[in-house]
Amino acid sequence: MTYRILIVDDETDILEFVGYTLRKEGYEVETASNGREAVDKTLAWHPHLILLDAMMPVMDGFEACRLIRTTKGVDDTLIVFLTARGDENSQVRGFDAGGDDYIVKPIQLKALVSRIKAILKRKEHSGFGGGLRVDSERHTVMLNGGEVVLPRKEFNLLELLHSEPGRLFTREEIYDRVWGSEVVVGDRTIDVHIRNLRKKIGDTHIVTIKGVGYKYED
């Protein structure tokens, strides 16, 4: 998969040099020049990793990190501080805000790339997002950092089950809320959609309660 990396720094040279290097390594790269812009781009673009400067105008990196960490849907994004603030207090602030790592500038670009690869590899093994994320606004499903493309009805069905993990939805309720007044041909329509979903997201999330309905387990 191709990882998305957001570089946040108020120094144009840093954005250009680091961005150019990471693109050469095959990463998708976006940039931001302050913490407020970083939060906005994170919500819109959903990067896998953010390289975040500490001291910037408008909003500093510590506050941006705290905001991202408390925002549902992007709270599991990797955040790595990349800053000239190398004192112990600043590093403590960075980790307290929710940073995953703290890198002090200056650093050689090759060393920076190695650190990024190591961080992404660790996260890859543990799983991005800790499982499955359903984004209703963007109409996307993310599973361990990769996007799962679903047809409309499969997405609507998963969205319903995922909205209340552990709750049992009866077959009648599913028909009513997913298909509504649409004409459904065949009594096994739900079963076919559930089977297709399990092929795409794995068979551990959706639990069948025989003769009653289905529920989502995270």
N, C-alpha and C. Protein backbone atom coordinates (compact mmCIF):
# COMPACT_ATOMS: atom_id res chain seq x y z
N MET A 1 0.84 -1.19 0.00
CA MET A 1 0.00 0.00 0.00
C MET A 1 0.88 1.25 0.00
N THR A 2 0.33 2.36 -0.44
CA THR A 2 1.04 3.63 -0.46
C THR A 2 0.61 4.45 0.75
N TYR A 3 1.58 4.83 1.59
CA TYR A 3 1.27 5.59 2.78
C TYR A 3 1.17 7.08 2.47
N ARG A 4 0.24 7.74 3.18
CA ARG A 4 0.07 9.18 3.04
C ARG A 4 0.75 9.87 4.22
N ILE A 5 1.61 10.84 3.91
CA ILE A 5 2.34 11.56 4.95
C ILE A 5 2.08 13.06 4.81
N LEU A 6 1.70 13.68 5.92
CA LEU A 6 1.48 15.11 5.97
C LEU A 6 2.66 15.76 6.70
N ILE A 7 3.34 16.70 6.03
CA ILE A 7 4.47 17.42 6.62
C ILE A 7 3.97 18.79 7.05
N VAL A 8 4.21 19.13 8.32
CA VAL A 8 3.72 20.40 8.85
C VAL A 8 4.90 21.20 9.41
N ASP A 9 5.17 22.34 8.77
CA ASP A 9 6.31 23.18 9.19
C ASP A 9 6.11 24.57 8.61
N ASP A 10 6.55 25.60 9.33
CA ASP A 10 6.42 26.96 8.80
C ASP A 10 7.64 27.38 7.99
N GLU A 11 8.60 26.47 7.83
CA GLU A 11 9.77 26.75 7.00
C GLU A 11 9.58 26.10 5.63
N THR A 12 9.52 26.93 4.59
CA THR A 12 9.27 26.43 3.24
C THR A 12 10.33 25.43 2.79
N ASP A 13 11.59 25.69 3.16
CA ASP A 13 12.68 24.78 2.76
C ASP A 13 12.46 23.37 3.30
N ILE A 14 12.01 23.29 4.54
CA ILE A 14 11.76 21.98 5.14
C ILE A 14 10.67 21.24 4.37
N LEU A 15 9.59 21.95 4.07
CA LEU A 15 8.50 21.34 3.33
C LEU A 15 8.96 20.84 1.97
N GLU A 16 9.78 21.63 1.30
CA GLU A 16 10.23 21.26 -0.04
C GLU A 16 11.22 20.10 -0.01
N PHE A 17 12.24 20.19 0.84
CA PHE A 17 13.28 19.15 0.87
C PHE A 17 12.74 17.81 1.38
N VAL A 18 12.03 17.86 2.50
CA VAL A 18 11.50 16.62 3.06
C VAL A 18 10.42 16.04 2.15
N GLY A 19 9.56 16.91 1.61
CA GLY A 19 8.52 16.46 0.71
C GLY A 19 9.08 15.78 -0.53
N TYR A 20 10.10 16.40 -1.12
CA TYR A 20 10.73 15.83 -2.32
C TYR A 20 11.34 14.46 -2.01
N THR A 21 12.00 14.34 -0.86
CA THR A 21 12.65 13.09 -0.49
C THR A 21 11.63 11.98 -0.27
N LEU A 22 10.55 12.29 0.42
CA LEU A 22 9.54 11.26 0.71
C LEU A 22 8.78 10.85 -0.55
N ARG A 23 8.54 11.79 -1.44
CA ARG A 23 7.89 11.42 -2.70
C ARG A 23 8.78 10.47 -3.51
N LYS A 24 10.08 10.70 -3.49
CA LYS A 24 11.01 9.81 -4.18
C LYS A 24 10.97 8.40 -3.59
N GLU A 25 10.64 8.32 -2.30
CA GLU A 25 10.55 7.01 -1.63
C GLU A 25 9.21 6.32 -1.90
N GLY A 26 8.31 7.01 -2.63
CA GLY A 26 7.05 6.40 -3.01
C GLY A 26 5.86 6.76 -2.14
N TYR A 27 6.04 7.71 -1.20
CA TYR A 27 4.94 8.13 -0.35
C TYR A 27 4.10 9.22 -1.02
N GLU A 28 2.82 9.26 -0.68
CA GLU A 28 1.98 10.39 -1.05
C GLU A 28 2.20 11.48 0.00
N VAL A 29 2.41 12.71 -0.44
CA VAL A 29 2.80 13.78 0.49
C VAL A 29 1.92 15.00 0.31
N GLU A 30 1.46 15.55 1.44
CA GLU A 30 0.81 16.85 1.48
C GLU A 30 1.55 17.69 2.52
N THR A 31 1.40 19.01 2.45
CA THR A 31 2.10 19.89 3.39
C THR A 31 1.14 20.90 4.02
N ALA A 32 1.54 21.40 5.17
CA ALA A 32 0.80 22.47 5.86
C ALA A 32 1.81 23.35 6.57
N SER A 33 1.48 24.63 6.75
CA SER A 33 2.44 25.58 7.30
C SER A 33 2.13 26.02 8.73
N ASN A 34 1.05 25.50 9.31
CA ASN A 34 0.75 25.79 10.72
C ASN A 34 -0.17 24.71 11.27
N GLY A 35 -0.36 24.73 12.59
CA GLY A 35 -1.14 23.69 13.23
C GLY A 35 -2.58 23.65 12.82
N ARG A 36 -3.21 24.80 12.63
CA ARG A 36 -4.61 24.85 12.23
C ARG A 36 -4.81 24.21 10.86
N GLU A 37 -3.91 24.54 9.95
CA GLU A 37 -3.97 23.94 8.61
C GLU A 37 -3.72 22.44 8.68
N ALA A 38 -2.85 22.03 9.59
CA ALA A 38 -2.56 20.60 9.76
C ALA A 38 -3.80 19.83 10.19
N VAL A 39 -4.55 20.39 11.14
CA VAL A 39 -5.78 19.74 11.61
C VAL A 39 -6.79 19.64 10.47
N ASP A 40 -6.97 20.72 9.73
CA ASP A 40 -7.93 20.73 8.62
C ASP A 40 -7.56 19.70 7.56
N LYS A 41 -6.27 19.64 7.20
CA LYS A 41 -5.85 18.69 6.16
C LYS A 41 -5.92 17.25 6.66
N THR A 42 -5.69 17.06 7.95
CA THR A 42 -5.80 15.71 8.51
C THR A 42 -7.24 15.22 8.41
N LEU A 43 -8.19 16.07 8.71
CA LEU A 43 -9.60 15.69 8.63
C LEU A 43 -10.03 15.41 7.19
N ALA A 44 -9.47 16.17 6.25
CA ALA A 44 -9.87 16.03 4.86
C ALA A 44 -9.16 14.90 4.15
N TRP A 45 -7.90 14.65 4.53
CA TRP A 45 -7.03 13.75 3.75
C TRP A 45 -6.73 12.43 4.45
N HIS A 46 -6.88 12.37 5.76
CA HIS A 46 -6.63 11.16 6.55
C HIS A 46 -5.23 10.57 6.30
N PRO A 47 -4.18 11.31 6.62
CA PRO A 47 -2.83 10.77 6.44
C PRO A 47 -2.56 9.61 7.40
N HIS A 48 -1.65 8.73 7.00
CA HIS A 48 -1.23 7.66 7.91
C HIS A 48 -0.25 8.20 8.96
N LEU A 49 0.54 9.19 8.57
CA LEU A 49 1.57 9.74 9.46
C LEU A 49 1.70 11.24 9.26
N ILE A 50 1.92 11.95 10.35
CA ILE A 50 2.13 13.40 10.30
C ILE A 50 3.50 13.72 10.88
N LEU A 51 4.32 14.45 10.12
CA LEU A 51 5.57 15.02 10.63
C LEU A 51 5.24 16.43 11.08
N LEU A 52 5.36 16.68 12.37
CA LEU A 52 4.78 17.90 12.95
C LEU A 52 5.82 18.75 13.67
N ASP A 53 6.00 19.98 13.19
CA ASP A 53 6.87 20.93 13.89
C ASP A 53 6.17 21.37 15.17
N ALA A 54 6.96 21.81 16.15
CA ALA A 54 6.38 22.23 17.43
C ALA A 54 5.96 23.69 17.42
N MET A 55 6.88 24.59 17.06
CA MET A 55 6.62 26.02 17.14
C MET A 55 6.25 26.58 15.78
N MET A 56 4.98 27.00 15.64
CA MET A 56 4.47 27.54 14.38
C MET A 56 3.46 28.62 14.67
N PRO A 57 3.17 29.48 13.70
CA PRO A 57 2.15 30.51 13.89
C PRO A 57 0.75 29.91 13.87
N VAL A 58 -0.23 30.71 14.25
CA VAL A 58 -1.66 30.37 14.26
C VAL A 58 -1.98 29.32 15.33
N MET A 59 -1.36 28.14 15.22
CA MET A 59 -1.53 27.09 16.22
C MET A 59 -0.25 26.26 16.27
N ASP A 60 0.29 26.06 17.46
CA ASP A 60 1.55 25.31 17.53
C ASP A 60 1.29 23.81 17.40
N GLY A 61 2.37 23.05 17.28
CA GLY A 61 2.24 21.62 17.05
C GLY A 61 1.65 20.85 18.21
N PHE A 62 1.93 21.29 19.43
CA PHE A 62 1.40 20.60 20.60
C PHE A 62 -0.13 20.65 20.63
N GLU A 63 -0.68 21.83 20.38
CA GLU A 63 -2.13 21.99 20.37
C GLU A 63 -2.75 21.23 19.21
N ALA A 64 -2.11 21.27 18.04
CA ALA A 64 -2.61 20.53 16.88
C ALA A 64 -2.64 19.04 17.18
N CYS A 65 -1.60 18.54 17.82
CA CYS A 65 -1.53 17.13 18.17
C CYS A 65 -2.67 16.75 19.11
N ARG A 66 -2.91 17.57 20.13
CA ARG A 66 -3.99 17.30 21.08
C ARG A 66 -5.36 17.27 20.38
N LEU A 67 -5.56 18.21 19.45
CA LEU A 67 -6.83 18.25 18.74
C LEU A 67 -7.05 17.00 17.89
N ILE A 68 -6.01 16.59 17.20
CA ILE A 68 -6.11 15.40 16.35
C ILE A 68 -6.37 14.16 17.20
N ARG A 69 -5.70 14.08 18.33
CA ARG A 69 -5.86 12.92 19.21
C ARG A 69 -7.26 12.81 19.80
N THR A 70 -7.99 13.90 19.85
CA THR A 70 -9.34 13.88 20.43
C THR A 70 -10.43 13.96 19.36
N THR A 71 -10.05 13.81 18.10
CA THR A 71 -11.01 13.88 17.01
C THR A 71 -11.27 12.49 16.44
N LYS A 72 -12.49 12.02 16.58
CA LYS A 72 -12.84 10.68 16.13
C LYS A 72 -12.62 10.54 14.63
N GLY A 73 -12.03 9.42 14.24
CA GLY A 73 -11.79 9.15 12.83
C GLY A 73 -10.35 9.37 12.42
N VAL A 74 -9.65 10.27 13.13
CA VAL A 74 -8.23 10.51 12.82
C VAL A 74 -7.36 10.36 14.07
N ASP A 75 -7.98 9.96 15.18
CA ASP A 75 -7.26 9.90 16.45
C ASP A 75 -6.17 8.83 16.49
N ASP A 76 -6.19 7.90 15.51
CA ASP A 76 -5.16 6.87 15.48
C ASP A 76 -4.03 7.19 14.50
N THR A 77 -4.06 8.38 13.89
CA THR A 77 -3.00 8.79 12.96
C THR A 77 -1.66 8.87 13.70
N LEU A 78 -0.62 8.35 13.09
CA LEU A 78 0.72 8.46 13.67
C LEU A 78 1.17 9.91 13.65
N ILE A 79 1.67 10.40 14.77
CA ILE A 79 2.16 11.78 14.84
C ILE A 79 3.60 11.77 15.35
N VAL A 80 4.49 12.28 14.52
CA VAL A 80 5.92 12.33 14.85
C VAL A 80 6.35 13.79 14.87
N PHE A 81 6.78 14.27 16.01
CA PHE A 81 7.29 15.64 16.09
C PHE A 81 8.66 15.70 15.42
N LEU A 82 8.82 16.69 14.54
CA LEU A 82 10.10 16.96 13.88
C LEU A 82 10.40 18.43 14.11
N THR A 83 11.25 18.72 15.09
CA THR A 83 11.39 20.09 15.56
C THR A 83 12.80 20.36 16.09
N ALA A 84 13.17 21.63 16.09
CA ALA A 84 14.47 22.03 16.65
C ALA A 84 14.42 22.12 18.17
N ARG A 85 13.23 22.04 18.76
CA ARG A 85 13.09 22.10 20.21
C ARG A 85 13.50 20.76 20.81
N GLY A 86 14.77 20.66 21.23
CA GLY A 86 15.28 19.40 21.73
C GLY A 86 15.34 19.28 23.24
N ASP A 87 14.89 20.31 23.97
CA ASP A 87 14.96 20.26 25.43
C ASP A 87 13.97 19.23 25.98
N GLU A 88 14.26 18.78 27.18
CA GLU A 88 13.46 17.71 27.79
C GLU A 88 12.00 18.11 27.98
N ASN A 89 11.76 19.35 28.41
CA ASN A 89 10.38 19.80 28.64
C ASN A 89 9.55 19.75 27.36
N SER A 90 10.17 20.16 26.24
CA SER A 90 9.44 20.12 24.97
C SER A 90 9.12 18.69 24.55
N GLN A 91 10.07 17.78 24.77
CA GLN A 91 9.82 16.39 24.42
C GLN A 91 8.71 15.80 25.27
N VAL A 92 8.71 16.14 26.56
CA VAL A 92 7.64 15.68 27.44
C VAL A 92 6.30 16.23 26.97
N ARG A 93 6.25 17.52 26.60
CA ARG A 93 5.02 18.12 26.09
C ARG A 93 4.53 17.39 24.84
N GLY A 94 5.47 17.03 23.97
CA GLY A 94 5.11 16.34 22.74
C GLY A 94 4.47 14.99 23.00
N PHE A 95 5.06 14.21 23.89
CA PHE A 95 4.50 12.90 24.19
C PHE A 95 3.21 13.02 24.99
N ASP A 96 3.14 14.01 25.89
CA ASP A 96 1.91 14.22 26.65
C ASP A 96 0.74 14.61 25.75
N ALA A 97 1.07 15.33 24.66
CA ALA A 97 0.02 15.74 23.72
C ALA A 97 -0.48 14.58 22.87
N GLY A 98 0.28 13.47 22.85
CA GLY A 98 -0.15 12.30 22.09
C GLY A 98 0.79 11.92 20.96
N GLY A 99 1.99 12.51 20.93
CA GLY A 99 2.96 12.16 19.89
C GLY A 99 3.44 10.72 20.01
N ASP A 100 3.68 10.10 18.86
CA ASP A 100 4.19 8.73 18.84
C ASP A 100 5.71 8.68 18.87
N ASP A 101 6.36 9.74 18.41
CA ASP A 101 7.82 9.80 18.40
C ASP A 101 8.22 11.27 18.37
N TYR A 102 9.49 11.52 18.66
CA TYR A 102 9.98 12.90 18.74
C TYR A 102 11.38 12.94 18.13
N ILE A 103 11.53 13.65 17.02
CA ILE A 103 12.80 13.74 16.31
C ILE A 103 13.29 15.18 16.36
N VAL A 104 14.56 15.36 16.74
CA VAL A 104 15.12 16.70 16.88
C VAL A 104 15.90 17.07 15.62
N LYS A 105 15.58 18.25 15.07
CA LYS A 105 16.35 18.80 13.94
C LYS A 105 17.63 19.43 14.46
N PRO A 106 18.69 19.44 13.65
CA PRO A 106 18.76 18.89 12.28
C PRO A 106 18.95 17.38 12.28
N ILE A 107 18.47 16.76 11.21
CA ILE A 107 18.65 15.33 11.02
C ILE A 107 18.88 15.07 9.54
N GLN A 108 19.78 14.15 9.23
CA GLN A 108 20.04 13.79 7.84
C GLN A 108 18.79 13.17 7.23
N LEU A 109 18.52 13.49 5.96
CA LEU A 109 17.31 13.00 5.31
C LEU A 109 17.26 11.47 5.26
N LYS A 110 18.41 10.83 5.04
CA LYS A 110 18.42 9.36 5.01
C LYS A 110 18.02 8.79 6.36
N ALA A 111 18.51 9.41 7.42
CA ALA A 111 18.16 8.95 8.77
C ALA A 111 16.68 9.18 9.05
N LEU A 112 16.15 10.32 8.58
CA LEU A 112 14.73 10.61 8.77
C LEU A 112 13.87 9.57 8.06
N VAL A 113 14.24 9.25 6.82
CA VAL A 113 13.48 8.25 6.06
C VAL A 113 13.51 6.90 6.78
N SER A 114 14.66 6.53 7.33
CA SER A 114 14.78 5.26 8.06
C SER A 114 13.88 5.25 9.28
N ARG A 115 13.83 6.37 10.00
CA ARG A 115 12.96 6.45 11.17
C ARG A 115 11.49 6.30 10.77
N ILE A 116 11.12 6.98 9.69
CA ILE A 116 9.73 6.91 9.22
C ILE A 116 9.36 5.49 8.83
N LYS A 117 10.25 4.83 8.10
CA LYS A 117 9.98 3.44 7.68
C LYS A 117 9.81 2.53 8.89
N ALA A 118 10.66 2.72 9.90
CA ALA A 118 10.58 1.88 11.10
C ALA A 118 9.27 2.12 11.84
N ILE A 119 8.85 3.38 11.94
CA ILE A 119 7.60 3.70 12.64
C ILE A 119 6.40 3.12 11.90
N LEU A 120 6.38 3.27 10.59
CA LEU A 120 5.27 2.73 9.80
C LEU A 120 5.24 1.21 9.86
N LYS A 121 6.40 0.59 9.88
CA LYS A 121 6.47 -0.87 9.94
C LYS A 121 5.91 -1.39 11.26
N ARG A 122 6.26 -0.71 12.36
CA ARG A 122 5.73 -1.12 13.66
C ARG A 122 4.21 -0.99 13.68
N LYS A 123 3.72 0.11 13.13
CA LYS A 123 2.28 0.34 13.12
C LYS A 123 1.57 -0.66 12.20
N GLU A 124 2.22 -1.02 11.12
CA GLU A 124 1.65 -1.97 10.18
C GLU A 124 1.42 -3.31 10.86
N HIS A 125 2.37 -3.72 11.67
CA HIS A 125 2.25 -5.01 12.36
C HIS A 125 1.15 -4.98 13.41
N SER A 126 0.96 -3.84 14.07
CA SER A 126 -0.06 -3.74 15.11
C SER A 126 -1.43 -3.40 14.54
N GLY A 127 -1.43 -2.88 13.27
CA GLY A 127 -2.71 -2.59 12.62
C GLY A 127 -3.11 -1.14 12.74
N PHE A 128 -3.29 -0.46 11.61
CA PHE A 128 -3.76 0.92 11.62
C PHE A 128 -5.21 0.94 12.07
N GLY A 129 -5.47 1.82 13.03
CA GLY A 129 -6.84 1.99 13.48
C GLY A 129 -7.35 0.90 14.39
N GLY A 130 -6.49 -0.11 14.67
CA GLY A 130 -6.91 -1.17 15.55
C GLY A 130 -8.06 -1.99 14.98
N GLY A 131 -8.31 -1.92 13.68
CA GLY A 131 -9.40 -2.68 13.10
C GLY A 131 -10.04 -1.93 11.96
N LEU A 132 -11.36 -1.77 12.03
CA LEU A 132 -12.11 -1.26 10.90
C LEU A 132 -12.75 0.08 11.24
N ARG A 133 -12.69 1.04 10.28
CA ARG A 133 -13.30 2.35 10.45
C ARG A 133 -14.27 2.60 9.31
N VAL A 134 -15.45 3.08 9.64
CA VAL A 134 -16.46 3.44 8.65
C VAL A 134 -16.67 4.95 8.72
N ASP A 135 -16.41 5.62 7.61
CA ASP A 135 -16.57 7.07 7.53
C ASP A 135 -17.81 7.37 6.69
N SER A 136 -18.90 7.75 7.36
CA SER A 136 -20.17 7.97 6.66
C SER A 136 -20.12 9.17 5.73
N GLU A 137 -19.40 10.24 6.13
CA GLU A 137 -19.35 11.44 5.31
C GLU A 137 -18.58 11.21 4.02
N ARG A 138 -17.45 10.51 4.13
CA ARG A 138 -16.62 10.24 2.94
C ARG A 138 -17.04 8.97 2.22
N HIS A 139 -17.96 8.22 2.82
CA HIS A 139 -18.43 6.96 2.24
C HIS A 139 -17.26 6.02 1.98
N THR A 140 -16.39 5.88 3.00
CA THR A 140 -15.22 5.01 2.87
C THR A 140 -15.14 4.05 4.05
N VAL A 141 -14.50 2.93 3.81
CA VAL A 141 -14.22 1.95 4.85
C VAL A 141 -12.72 1.69 4.86
N MET A 142 -12.09 1.86 6.03
CA MET A 142 -10.66 1.64 6.17
C MET A 142 -10.43 0.43 7.07
N LEU A 143 -9.59 -0.49 6.59
CA LEU A 143 -9.27 -1.69 7.36
C LEU A 143 -7.76 -1.83 7.43
N ASN A 144 -7.20 -1.65 8.65
CA ASN A 144 -5.75 -1.75 8.86
C ASN A 144 -4.96 -0.87 7.91
N GLY A 145 -5.45 0.35 7.70
CA GLY A 145 -4.72 1.32 6.91
C GLY A 145 -5.03 1.31 5.43
N GLY A 146 -5.76 0.31 4.95
CA GLY A 146 -6.10 0.24 3.53
C GLY A 146 -7.59 0.43 3.33
N GLU A 147 -7.96 1.00 2.19
CA GLU A 147 -9.37 1.26 1.91
C GLU A 147 -10.04 0.04 1.30
N VAL A 148 -11.24 -0.28 1.81
CA VAL A 148 -12.05 -1.36 1.27
C VAL A 148 -13.19 -0.74 0.48
N VAL A 149 -13.25 -1.03 -0.80
CA VAL A 149 -14.28 -0.45 -1.67
C VAL A 149 -15.52 -1.33 -1.63
N LEU A 150 -16.67 -0.72 -1.29
CA LEU A 150 -17.92 -1.46 -1.17
C LEU A 150 -19.00 -0.83 -2.04
N PRO A 151 -19.85 -1.66 -2.66
CA PRO A 151 -21.05 -1.13 -3.33
C PRO A 151 -21.97 -0.47 -2.31
N ARG A 152 -22.92 0.32 -2.78
CA ARG A 152 -23.73 1.15 -1.90
C ARG A 152 -24.47 0.34 -0.84
N LYS A 153 -25.14 -0.74 -1.23
CA LYS A 153 -25.93 -1.50 -0.26
C LYS A 153 -25.03 -2.19 0.77
N GLU A 154 -23.91 -2.71 0.34
CA GLU A 154 -22.99 -3.34 1.28
C GLU A 154 -22.46 -2.30 2.27
N PHE A 155 -22.16 -1.09 1.76
CA PHE A 155 -21.70 -0.03 2.66
C PHE A 155 -22.80 0.33 3.66
N ASN A 156 -24.03 0.51 3.18
CA ASN A 156 -25.13 0.89 4.06
C ASN A 156 -25.38 -0.17 5.14
N LEU A 157 -25.26 -1.43 4.74
CA LEU A 157 -25.45 -2.52 5.69
C LEU A 157 -24.35 -2.52 6.76
N LEU A 158 -23.11 -2.38 6.32
CA LEU A 158 -22.00 -2.33 7.27
C LEU A 158 -22.10 -1.10 8.16
N GLU A 159 -22.46 0.03 7.57
CA GLU A 159 -22.60 1.27 8.34
C GLU A 159 -23.63 1.10 9.45
N LEU A 160 -24.74 0.44 9.15
CA LEU A 160 -25.78 0.22 10.15
C LEU A 160 -25.27 -0.66 11.29
N LEU A 161 -24.68 -1.80 10.97
CA LEU A 161 -24.21 -2.72 11.99
C LEU A 161 -23.09 -2.09 12.82
N HIS A 162 -22.19 -1.36 12.14
CA HIS A 162 -21.03 -0.74 12.80
C HIS A 162 -21.44 0.42 13.69
N SER A 163 -22.62 1.00 13.45
CA SER A 163 -23.03 2.18 14.21
C SER A 163 -23.26 1.86 15.70
N GLU A 164 -23.58 0.62 16.01
CA GLU A 164 -23.81 0.22 17.40
C GLU A 164 -23.21 -1.16 17.64
N PRO A 165 -21.89 -1.21 17.84
CA PRO A 165 -21.22 -2.50 18.06
C PRO A 165 -21.85 -3.27 19.22
N GLY A 166 -22.06 -4.56 19.00
CA GLY A 166 -22.63 -5.41 20.04
C GLY A 166 -24.14 -5.50 20.03
N ARG A 167 -24.79 -4.57 19.32
CA ARG A 167 -26.26 -4.59 19.28
C ARG A 167 -26.75 -5.55 18.19
N LEU A 168 -27.75 -6.34 18.53
CA LEU A 168 -28.35 -7.25 17.56
C LEU A 168 -29.39 -6.51 16.72
N PHE A 169 -29.20 -6.54 15.40
CA PHE A 169 -30.19 -5.98 14.47
C PHE A 169 -30.96 -7.15 13.86
N THR A 170 -32.29 -7.12 13.98
CA THR A 170 -33.10 -8.19 13.41
C THR A 170 -33.11 -8.06 11.89
N ARG A 171 -33.46 -9.14 11.23
CA ARG A 171 -33.53 -9.12 9.78
C ARG A 171 -34.56 -8.10 9.31
N GLU A 172 -35.69 -8.02 10.02
CA GLU A 172 -36.73 -7.07 9.65
C GLU A 172 -36.24 -5.63 9.75
N GLU A 173 -35.48 -5.34 10.82
CA GLU A 173 -34.97 -3.99 11.00
C GLU A 173 -33.95 -3.65 9.92
N ILE A 174 -33.12 -4.62 9.57
CA ILE A 174 -32.12 -4.39 8.52
C ILE A 174 -32.81 -4.10 7.19
N TYR A 175 -33.80 -4.91 6.83
CA TYR A 175 -34.54 -4.66 5.59
C TYR A 175 -35.14 -3.25 5.59
N ASP A 176 -35.73 -2.87 6.71
CA ASP A 176 -36.40 -1.58 6.80
C ASP A 176 -35.42 -0.42 6.68
N ARG A 177 -34.27 -0.51 7.35
CA ARG A 177 -33.35 0.62 7.42
C ARG A 177 -32.36 0.67 6.25
N VAL A 178 -32.10 -0.45 5.61
CA VAL A 178 -31.15 -0.46 4.49
C VAL A 178 -31.88 -0.43 3.15
N TRP A 179 -32.95 -1.21 3.03
CA TRP A 179 -33.67 -1.28 1.76
C TRP A 179 -34.92 -0.40 1.74
N GLY A 180 -35.51 -0.15 2.90
CA GLY A 180 -36.67 0.72 2.98
C GLY A 180 -37.83 0.22 2.12
N SER A 181 -38.33 1.12 1.28
CA SER A 181 -39.48 0.78 0.44
C SER A 181 -39.09 0.11 -0.87
N GLU A 182 -37.77 -0.10 -1.06
CA GLU A 182 -37.33 -0.76 -2.30
C GLU A 182 -37.83 -2.20 -2.34
N VAL A 183 -38.11 -2.66 -3.53
CA VAL A 183 -38.56 -4.05 -3.70
C VAL A 183 -37.35 -4.97 -3.58
N VAL A 184 -37.44 -5.94 -2.66
CA VAL A 184 -36.35 -6.90 -2.45
C VAL A 184 -36.78 -8.24 -3.03
N VAL A 185 -35.97 -8.76 -3.95
CA VAL A 185 -36.29 -10.03 -4.58
C VAL A 185 -35.52 -11.14 -3.87
N GLY A 186 -36.27 -12.06 -3.24
CA GLY A 186 -35.61 -13.18 -2.58
C GLY A 186 -35.37 -12.92 -1.11
N ASP A 187 -35.60 -13.96 -0.30
CA ASP A 187 -35.48 -13.83 1.15
C ASP A 187 -34.03 -13.87 1.61
N ARG A 188 -33.11 -14.25 0.73
CA ARG A 188 -31.71 -14.40 1.12
C ARG A 188 -30.87 -13.19 0.76
N THR A 189 -31.52 -12.07 0.43
CA THR A 189 -30.78 -10.87 0.02
C THR A 189 -29.77 -10.43 1.08
N ILE A 190 -30.20 -10.36 2.34
CA ILE A 190 -29.28 -9.95 3.41
C ILE A 190 -28.13 -10.93 3.52
N ASP A 191 -28.42 -12.22 3.45
CA ASP A 191 -27.37 -13.23 3.60
C ASP A 191 -26.29 -13.09 2.53
N VAL A 192 -26.72 -12.79 1.31
CA VAL A 192 -25.76 -12.62 0.22
C VAL A 192 -24.87 -11.41 0.49
N HIS A 193 -25.45 -10.30 0.94
CA HIS A 193 -24.67 -9.10 1.23
C HIS A 193 -23.72 -9.32 2.41
N ILE A 194 -24.19 -10.04 3.43
CA ILE A 194 -23.33 -10.36 4.57
C ILE A 194 -22.16 -11.22 4.12
N ARG A 195 -22.43 -12.20 3.28
CA ARG A 195 -21.35 -13.08 2.78
C ARG A 195 -20.32 -12.28 2.00
N ASN A 196 -20.77 -11.35 1.18
CA ASN A 196 -19.85 -10.51 0.42
C ASN A 196 -19.01 -9.62 1.34
N LEU A 197 -19.66 -9.07 2.38
CA LEU A 197 -18.93 -8.23 3.34
C LEU A 197 -17.85 -9.03 4.04
N ARG A 198 -18.17 -10.23 4.45
CA ARG A 198 -17.19 -11.06 5.17
C ARG A 198 -15.98 -11.39 4.31
N LYS A 199 -16.21 -11.54 3.01
CA LYS A 199 -15.09 -11.79 2.11
C LYS A 199 -14.14 -10.60 2.07
N LYS A 200 -14.68 -9.39 2.27
CA LYS A 200 -13.89 -8.16 2.11
C LYS A 200 -13.29 -7.65 3.42
N ILE A 201 -13.98 -7.87 4.54
CA ILE A 201 -13.47 -7.33 5.81
C ILE A 201 -13.10 -8.43 6.80
N GLY A 202 -13.22 -9.69 6.37
CA GLY A 202 -12.94 -10.80 7.28
C GLY A 202 -14.20 -11.30 7.94
N ASP A 203 -14.15 -12.52 8.47
CA ASP A 203 -15.36 -13.14 9.00
C ASP A 203 -15.47 -13.05 10.51
N THR A 204 -14.67 -12.17 11.13
CA THR A 204 -14.72 -12.08 12.60
C THR A 204 -15.57 -10.92 13.09
N HIS A 205 -15.87 -9.95 12.23
CA HIS A 205 -16.58 -8.75 12.68
C HIS A 205 -18.09 -8.92 12.75
N ILE A 206 -18.68 -9.59 11.78
CA ILE A 206 -20.13 -9.71 11.71
C ILE A 206 -20.56 -11.07 12.24
N VAL A 207 -21.37 -11.03 13.29
CA VAL A 207 -21.80 -12.26 13.97
C VAL A 207 -23.25 -12.56 13.60
N THR A 208 -23.51 -13.81 13.24
CA THR A 208 -24.87 -14.25 12.92
C THR A 208 -25.56 -14.79 14.17
N ILE A 209 -26.74 -14.29 14.43
CA ILE A 209 -27.60 -14.86 15.46
C ILE A 209 -28.69 -15.61 14.71
N LYS A 210 -28.54 -16.92 14.65
CA LYS A 210 -29.37 -17.75 13.76
C LYS A 210 -30.86 -17.53 13.98
N GLY A 211 -31.54 -17.26 12.89
CA GLY A 211 -32.98 -17.10 12.93
C GLY A 211 -33.45 -15.74 13.40
N VAL A 212 -32.50 -14.88 13.78
CA VAL A 212 -32.88 -13.56 14.31
C VAL A 212 -32.30 -12.42 13.49
N GLY A 213 -30.96 -12.36 13.41
CA GLY A 213 -30.34 -11.27 12.68
C GLY A 213 -28.82 -11.27 12.83
N TYR A 214 -28.23 -10.05 12.84
CA TYR A 214 -26.78 -9.91 12.84
C TYR A 214 -26.34 -8.79 13.79
N LYS A 215 -25.08 -8.87 14.24
CA LYS A 215 -24.51 -7.80 15.02
C LYS A 215 -23.03 -7.67 14.67
N TYR A 216 -22.48 -6.48 14.94
CA TYR A 216 -21.08 -6.19 14.66
C TYR A 216 -20.29 -6.27 15.95
N GLU A 217 -19.17 -6.99 15.92
CA GLU A 217 -18.26 -7.07 17.05
C GLU A 217 -16.91 -6.53 16.62
N ASP A 218 -16.35 -5.57 17.39
CA ASP A 218 -15.08 -4.95 17.01
C ASP A 218 -13.93 -5.85 17.44
